[in-house]
Amino acid sequence: MLRTGDLAGELGFVSGLPHSATLRSLGQTQICILERERFETLLETEPHLVYQVMCNIVRATHDILRRMNTEYVELHKYVTRHHGIY
């Protein structure tokens, strides 16, 4: 579930690979689409804006990785505590 201000497709945006998810809205939704090619044209005219956007992408990706690591550790603790019976 995404919340207000969350990013989607940020890894595909950075890597240029196709998206692996489909999004559906549960209610009224407002989105902002950022196309990589058009975004790259801002490098010369708006470098600070590009920097801020990329910082947000890195921050969002870092948050996802941190949550995944925490969930992995908790799952590992659960499995090893129960000797592989799950």
N, C-alpha and C. Protein backbone atom coordinates (compact mmCIF):
# COMPACT_ATOMS: atom_id res chain seq x y z
N MET A 1 0.84 -1.17 0.00
CA MET A 1 0.00 0.00 0.00
C MET A 1 0.89 1.24 0.00
N LEU A 2 0.66 2.09 -0.95
CA LEU A 2 1.40 3.35 -1.02
C LEU A 2 0.60 4.42 -0.30
N ARG A 3 1.31 5.40 0.20
CA ARG A 3 0.67 6.51 0.90
C ARG A 3 1.02 7.81 0.18
N THR A 4 0.40 8.87 0.60
CA THR A 4 0.64 10.18 0.00
C THR A 4 2.14 10.48 -0.02
N GLY A 5 2.63 10.83 -1.20
CA GLY A 5 4.03 11.18 -1.35
C GLY A 5 4.95 10.02 -1.67
N ASP A 6 4.44 8.79 -1.63
CA ASP A 6 5.27 7.63 -1.94
C ASP A 6 5.61 7.59 -3.43
N LEU A 7 6.72 6.94 -3.72
CA LEU A 7 7.16 6.77 -5.11
C LEU A 7 6.84 5.35 -5.57
N ALA A 8 6.63 5.19 -6.85
CA ALA A 8 6.45 3.88 -7.45
C ALA A 8 7.24 3.86 -8.76
N GLY A 9 7.90 2.77 -9.03
CA GLY A 9 8.67 2.66 -10.26
C GLY A 9 10.02 3.33 -10.20
N GLU A 10 10.49 3.66 -9.01
CA GLU A 10 11.75 4.39 -8.90
C GLU A 10 12.95 3.57 -9.35
N LEU A 11 12.93 2.26 -9.10
CA LEU A 11 14.07 1.45 -9.53
C LEU A 11 14.12 1.33 -11.05
N GLY A 12 12.96 1.18 -11.67
CA GLY A 12 12.91 1.15 -13.13
C GLY A 12 13.31 2.47 -13.73
N PHE A 13 12.97 3.56 -13.05
CA PHE A 13 13.33 4.89 -13.51
C PHE A 13 14.86 5.03 -13.56
N VAL A 14 15.51 4.55 -12.51
CA VAL A 14 16.97 4.66 -12.43
C VAL A 14 17.65 3.67 -13.38
N SER A 15 17.18 2.42 -13.39
CA SER A 15 17.87 1.38 -14.16
C SER A 15 17.47 1.36 -15.64
N GLY A 16 16.30 1.91 -15.96
CA GLY A 16 15.82 1.87 -17.33
C GLY A 16 15.14 0.55 -17.68
N LEU A 17 15.02 -0.35 -16.70
CA LEU A 17 14.36 -1.64 -16.93
C LEU A 17 12.85 -1.49 -16.81
N PRO A 18 12.10 -2.41 -17.41
CA PRO A 18 10.64 -2.33 -17.32
C PRO A 18 10.16 -2.48 -15.88
N HIS A 19 9.00 -1.91 -15.62
CA HIS A 19 8.40 -2.01 -14.28
C HIS A 19 7.92 -3.43 -14.04
N SER A 20 7.96 -3.86 -12.80
CA SER A 20 7.54 -5.22 -12.45
C SER A 20 6.23 -5.23 -11.68
N ALA A 21 5.59 -4.09 -11.53
CA ALA A 21 4.36 -4.01 -10.74
C ALA A 21 3.28 -3.25 -11.49
N THR A 22 2.06 -3.52 -11.11
CA THR A 22 0.91 -2.77 -11.60
C THR A 22 0.27 -2.10 -10.39
N LEU A 23 -0.10 -0.86 -10.54
CA LEU A 23 -0.72 -0.12 -9.43
C LEU A 23 -2.20 0.04 -9.67
N ARG A 24 -2.96 -0.05 -8.59
CA ARG A 24 -4.40 0.20 -8.64
C ARG A 24 -4.75 1.12 -7.49
N SER A 25 -5.63 2.05 -7.75
CA SER A 25 -6.07 2.99 -6.73
C SER A 25 -7.31 2.48 -6.04
N LEU A 26 -7.36 2.65 -4.72
CA LEU A 26 -8.55 2.30 -3.96
C LEU A 26 -9.51 3.48 -3.85
N GLY A 27 -9.08 4.63 -4.28
CA GLY A 27 -9.91 5.82 -4.21
C GLY A 27 -9.38 6.88 -5.14
N GLN A 28 -9.85 8.10 -4.92
CA GLN A 28 -9.39 9.20 -5.75
C GLN A 28 -7.88 9.37 -5.58
N THR A 29 -7.19 9.48 -6.69
CA THR A 29 -5.73 9.51 -6.66
C THR A 29 -5.21 10.59 -7.60
N GLN A 30 -4.19 11.27 -7.15
CA GLN A 30 -3.51 12.24 -8.00
C GLN A 30 -2.07 11.77 -8.15
N ILE A 31 -1.61 11.69 -9.40
CA ILE A 31 -0.26 11.19 -9.65
C ILE A 31 0.56 12.21 -10.43
N CYS A 32 1.84 12.05 -10.32
CA CYS A 32 2.78 12.84 -11.10
C CYS A 32 3.70 11.85 -11.81
N ILE A 33 3.73 11.91 -13.13
CA ILE A 33 4.55 11.00 -13.91
C ILE A 33 5.83 11.74 -14.32
N LEU A 34 6.94 11.08 -14.09
CA LEU A 34 8.23 11.65 -14.41
C LEU A 34 8.89 10.76 -15.45
N GLU A 35 9.00 11.25 -16.67
CA GLU A 35 9.63 10.47 -17.74
C GLU A 35 11.13 10.73 -17.72
N ARG A 36 11.88 9.66 -17.75
CA ARG A 36 13.33 9.76 -17.61
C ARG A 36 13.96 10.68 -18.66
N GLU A 37 13.57 10.52 -19.92
CA GLU A 37 14.17 11.32 -20.99
C GLU A 37 13.93 12.82 -20.77
N ARG A 38 12.71 13.16 -20.40
CA ARG A 38 12.40 14.57 -20.15
C ARG A 38 13.09 15.08 -18.89
N PHE A 39 13.19 14.22 -17.88
CA PHE A 39 13.86 14.58 -16.64
C PHE A 39 15.32 14.89 -16.89
N GLU A 40 15.97 14.08 -17.74
CA GLU A 40 17.39 14.28 -18.02
C GLU A 40 17.66 15.62 -18.70
N THR A 41 16.67 16.17 -19.41
CA THR A 41 16.87 17.48 -20.04
C THR A 41 17.01 18.59 -19.02
N LEU A 42 16.60 18.33 -17.77
CA LEU A 42 16.69 19.34 -16.71
C LEU A 42 18.07 19.42 -16.08
N LEU A 43 18.95 18.49 -16.41
CA LEU A 43 20.27 18.46 -15.79
C LEU A 43 21.02 19.79 -15.92
N GLU A 44 20.96 20.39 -17.08
CA GLU A 44 21.71 21.63 -17.29
C GLU A 44 20.98 22.85 -16.77
N THR A 45 19.65 22.86 -16.89
CA THR A 45 18.91 24.07 -16.50
C THR A 45 18.46 24.06 -15.04
N GLU A 46 18.22 22.89 -14.46
CA GLU A 46 17.73 22.78 -13.08
C GLU A 46 18.49 21.69 -12.31
N PRO A 47 19.81 21.84 -12.17
CA PRO A 47 20.58 20.77 -11.52
C PRO A 47 20.16 20.52 -10.07
N HIS A 48 19.78 21.57 -9.35
CA HIS A 48 19.38 21.38 -7.94
C HIS A 48 18.09 20.57 -7.86
N LEU A 49 17.16 20.81 -8.75
CA LEU A 49 15.91 20.05 -8.80
C LEU A 49 16.21 18.58 -9.09
N VAL A 50 17.07 18.32 -10.06
CA VAL A 50 17.45 16.94 -10.39
C VAL A 50 18.08 16.27 -9.18
N TYR A 51 18.95 16.99 -8.49
CA TYR A 51 19.60 16.46 -7.29
C TYR A 51 18.56 16.10 -6.23
N GLN A 52 17.61 16.98 -5.99
CA GLN A 52 16.58 16.73 -4.97
C GLN A 52 15.73 15.52 -5.33
N VAL A 53 15.34 15.40 -6.58
CA VAL A 53 14.55 14.25 -7.01
C VAL A 53 15.34 12.96 -6.83
N MET A 54 16.60 12.97 -7.23
CA MET A 54 17.42 11.77 -7.09
C MET A 54 17.65 11.42 -5.62
N CYS A 55 17.79 12.42 -4.76
CA CYS A 55 17.91 12.16 -3.32
C CYS A 55 16.65 11.47 -2.80
N ASN A 56 15.49 11.91 -3.25
CA ASN A 56 14.24 11.28 -2.83
C ASN A 56 14.14 9.85 -3.33
N ILE A 57 14.59 9.60 -4.54
CA ILE A 57 14.58 8.23 -5.07
C ILE A 57 15.50 7.34 -4.25
N VAL A 58 16.69 7.82 -3.95
CA VAL A 58 17.64 7.04 -3.14
C VAL A 58 17.06 6.80 -1.75
N ARG A 59 16.46 7.82 -1.15
CA ARG A 59 15.86 7.69 0.19
C ARG A 59 14.75 6.65 0.18
N ALA A 60 13.87 6.69 -0.82
CA ALA A 60 12.78 5.73 -0.91
C ALA A 60 13.31 4.31 -1.09
N THR A 61 14.32 4.16 -1.93
CA THR A 61 14.92 2.85 -2.17
C THR A 61 15.59 2.34 -0.90
N HIS A 62 16.26 3.21 -0.20
CA HIS A 62 16.92 2.84 1.06
C HIS A 62 15.89 2.39 2.09
N ASP A 63 14.76 3.08 2.18
CA ASP A 63 13.71 2.70 3.11
C ASP A 63 13.16 1.31 2.79
N ILE A 64 12.96 1.03 1.51
CA ILE A 64 12.48 -0.29 1.09
C ILE A 64 13.49 -1.36 1.48
N LEU A 65 14.76 -1.12 1.20
CA LEU A 65 15.81 -2.08 1.52
C LEU A 65 15.89 -2.32 3.02
N ARG A 66 15.80 -1.26 3.80
CA ARG A 66 15.86 -1.38 5.26
C ARG A 66 14.68 -2.23 5.78
N ARG A 67 13.47 -1.98 5.25
CA ARG A 67 12.30 -2.77 5.66
C ARG A 67 12.47 -4.23 5.26
N MET A 68 12.97 -4.47 4.06
CA MET A 68 13.18 -5.86 3.61
C MET A 68 14.20 -6.57 4.49
N ASN A 69 15.27 -5.90 4.85
CA ASN A 69 16.28 -6.50 5.72
C ASN A 69 15.71 -6.83 7.08
N THR A 70 14.91 -5.93 7.64
CA THR A 70 14.28 -6.16 8.93
C THR A 70 13.35 -7.36 8.87
N GLU A 71 12.55 -7.44 7.81
CA GLU A 71 11.64 -8.57 7.66
C GLU A 71 12.41 -9.88 7.47
N TYR A 72 13.50 -9.83 6.74
CA TYR A 72 14.33 -11.03 6.56
C TYR A 72 14.88 -11.50 7.90
N VAL A 73 15.40 -10.59 8.70
CA VAL A 73 15.96 -10.96 10.00
C VAL A 73 14.88 -11.57 10.88
N GLU A 74 13.70 -10.96 10.90
CA GLU A 74 12.61 -11.49 11.72
C GLU A 74 12.18 -12.87 11.24
N LEU A 75 12.09 -13.07 9.94
CA LEU A 75 11.73 -14.37 9.39
C LEU A 75 12.81 -15.40 9.72
N HIS A 76 14.06 -15.02 9.59
CA HIS A 76 15.16 -15.94 9.91
C HIS A 76 15.11 -16.34 11.38
N LYS A 77 14.87 -15.38 12.25
CA LYS A 77 14.76 -15.70 13.68
C LYS A 77 13.62 -16.68 13.92
N TYR A 78 12.50 -16.45 13.29
CA TYR A 78 11.33 -17.31 13.45
C TYR A 78 11.63 -18.73 12.98
N VAL A 79 12.22 -18.86 11.80
CA VAL A 79 12.48 -20.18 11.23
C VAL A 79 13.51 -20.92 12.06
N THR A 80 14.58 -20.27 12.45
CA THR A 80 15.63 -20.96 13.21
C THR A 80 15.17 -21.28 14.62
N ARG A 81 14.33 -20.46 15.20
CA ARG A 81 13.81 -20.71 16.53
C ARG A 81 12.89 -21.93 16.53
N HIS A 82 12.24 -22.15 15.40
CA HIS A 82 11.32 -23.27 15.28
C HIS A 82 11.96 -24.43 14.49
N HIS A 83 13.28 -24.39 14.36
CA HIS A 83 14.04 -25.46 13.70
C HIS A 83 13.51 -25.78 12.30
N GLY A 84 13.17 -24.75 11.57
CA GLY A 84 12.75 -24.95 10.20
C GLY A 84 11.29 -25.37 10.04
N ILE A 85 10.56 -25.47 11.13
CA ILE A 85 9.14 -25.82 11.04
C ILE A 85 8.35 -24.52 10.97
N TYR A 86 7.70 -24.30 9.85
CA TYR A 86 6.94 -23.07 9.69
C TYR A 86 5.65 -23.33 8.97
